[in-house]
């Protein structure tokens, strides 16, 4: 995991993951410009190998702070997302 504190890294089992998604969703609803819940949801979905959902939340995190894409490249939770063609396209878009 990166230097960022990810709630998703501590979640185990379907029930706890469901609770984590719910709690992070509430955090997003309360403060839309707070990056952590978006990034943590991206990590949670990456762990479940739901690449599309993970990228959706990672893009939202990157809109708040473009550094989120860099964090993902160093985050073990995100390795499957970083390896995806969609992530590579996203990174190319950042360079332009």
Protein backbone atom coordinates (compact mmCIF):
# COMPACT_ATOMS: atom_id res chain seq x y z
CA UNK A 1 0.00 0.00 0.00
CA UNK A 2 1.06 3.58 -0.55
CA UNK A 3 1.77 6.12 2.16
CA UNK A 4 -1.94 7.01 2.06
CA UNK A 5 -4.14 5.42 4.66
CA UNK A 6 -6.65 3.23 2.89
CA UNK A 7 -9.65 1.89 4.71
CA UNK A 8 -10.06 -0.72 1.99
CA UNK A 9 -6.71 -2.29 2.90
CA UNK A 10 -8.14 -3.29 6.26
CA UNK A 11 -11.43 -4.73 5.02
CA UNK A 12 -11.95 -8.49 4.98
CA UNK A 13 -14.95 -10.50 3.89
CA UNK A 14 -18.04 -9.58 1.91
CA UNK A 15 -19.95 -8.10 4.84
CA UNK A 16 -17.10 -5.86 5.93
CA UNK A 17 -16.45 -4.80 2.34
CA UNK A 18 -20.13 -3.93 1.97
CA UNK A 19 -19.97 -1.89 5.15
CA UNK A 20 -16.81 -0.19 3.88
CA UNK A 21 -18.48 0.77 0.59
CA UNK A 22 -21.48 2.12 2.49
CA UNK A 23 -19.34 4.13 4.90
CA UNK A 24 -17.13 5.52 2.15
CA UNK A 25 -20.21 6.37 0.11
CA UNK A 26 -21.52 8.37 3.06
CA UNK A 27 -18.18 10.18 3.33
CA UNK A 28 -18.37 11.11 -0.35
CA UNK A 29 -21.91 12.43 0.10
CA UNK A 30 -20.88 14.55 3.09
CA UNK A 31 -17.83 16.19 1.56
CA UNK A 32 -17.52 15.85 -2.20
CA UNK A 33 -14.14 17.58 -2.42
CA UNK A 34 -12.44 15.19 0.03
CA UNK A 35 -10.18 12.82 -1.91
CA UNK A 36 -9.75 9.97 0.56
CA UNK A 37 -13.14 8.26 0.18
CA UNK A 38 -12.85 8.28 -3.62
CA UNK A 39 -9.34 6.83 -3.53
CA UNK A 40 -10.33 4.27 -0.89
CA UNK A 41 -13.32 3.17 -2.96
CA UNK A 42 -10.98 2.79 -5.95
CA UNK A 43 -8.77 0.54 -3.80
CA UNK A 44 -11.72 -1.46 -2.53
CA UNK A 45 -13.01 -2.15 -6.04
CA UNK A 46 -9.48 -2.96 -7.24
CA UNK A 47 -9.20 -5.60 -4.52
CA UNK A 48 -12.43 -7.12 -5.81
CA UNK A 49 -10.98 -6.98 -9.36
CA UNK A 50 -13.76 -4.63 -10.46
CA UNK A 51 -11.46 -2.57 -12.67
CA UNK A 52 -14.17 -0.38 -14.20
CA UNK A 53 -15.57 0.69 -10.84
CA UNK A 54 -12.10 1.18 -9.45
CA UNK A 55 -11.17 3.44 -12.36
CA UNK A 56 -14.40 5.38 -11.96
CA UNK A 57 -13.51 6.33 -8.38
CA UNK A 58 -9.84 6.82 -9.20
CA UNK A 59 -10.82 9.35 -11.88
CA UNK A 60 -12.96 11.18 -9.33
CA UNK A 61 -10.03 11.24 -6.91
CA UNK A 62 -7.73 12.51 -9.67
CA UNK A 63 -10.14 15.35 -10.44
CA UNK A 64 -9.63 16.56 -6.87
CA UNK A 65 -5.88 15.86 -6.82
CA UNK A 66 -4.03 14.64 -9.91
CA UNK A 67 -1.49 13.01 -7.59
CA UNK A 68 -3.96 10.17 -7.02
CA UNK A 69 -2.80 8.55 -10.25
CA UNK A 70 0.76 8.54 -9.00
CA UNK A 71 -0.32 7.06 -5.66
CA UNK A 72 -2.04 4.25 -7.54
CA UNK A 73 1.18 3.29 -9.33
CA UNK A 74 2.83 2.70 -5.94
CA UNK A 75 -0.14 1.08 -4.19
CA UNK A 76 -0.17 -2.74 -4.03
CA UNK A 77 -3.98 -2.66 -3.79
CA UNK A 78 -4.11 -1.02 -7.21
CA UNK A 79 -1.67 -3.25 -9.14
CA UNK A 80 -4.38 -4.88 -11.27
CA UNK A 81 -5.85 -1.48 -12.14
CA UNK A 82 -2.44 0.01 -12.97
CA UNK A 83 -1.79 -2.95 -15.30
CA UNK A 84 -5.03 -2.35 -17.22
CA UNK A 85 -5.09 -0.72 -20.66
CA UNK A 86 -7.69 1.73 -19.35
CA UNK A 87 -5.29 3.02 -16.68
CA UNK A 88 -2.54 3.42 -19.26
CA UNK A 89 -4.92 5.52 -21.40
CA UNK A 90 -5.79 7.60 -18.35
CA UNK A 91 -2.10 8.24 -17.66
CA UNK A 92 -1.53 9.22 -21.28
CA UNK A 93 -4.35 11.74 -20.98
CA UNK A 94 -2.62 13.30 -17.97
CA UNK A 95 0.58 13.83 -19.96
CA UNK A 96 -1.21 15.90 -22.61
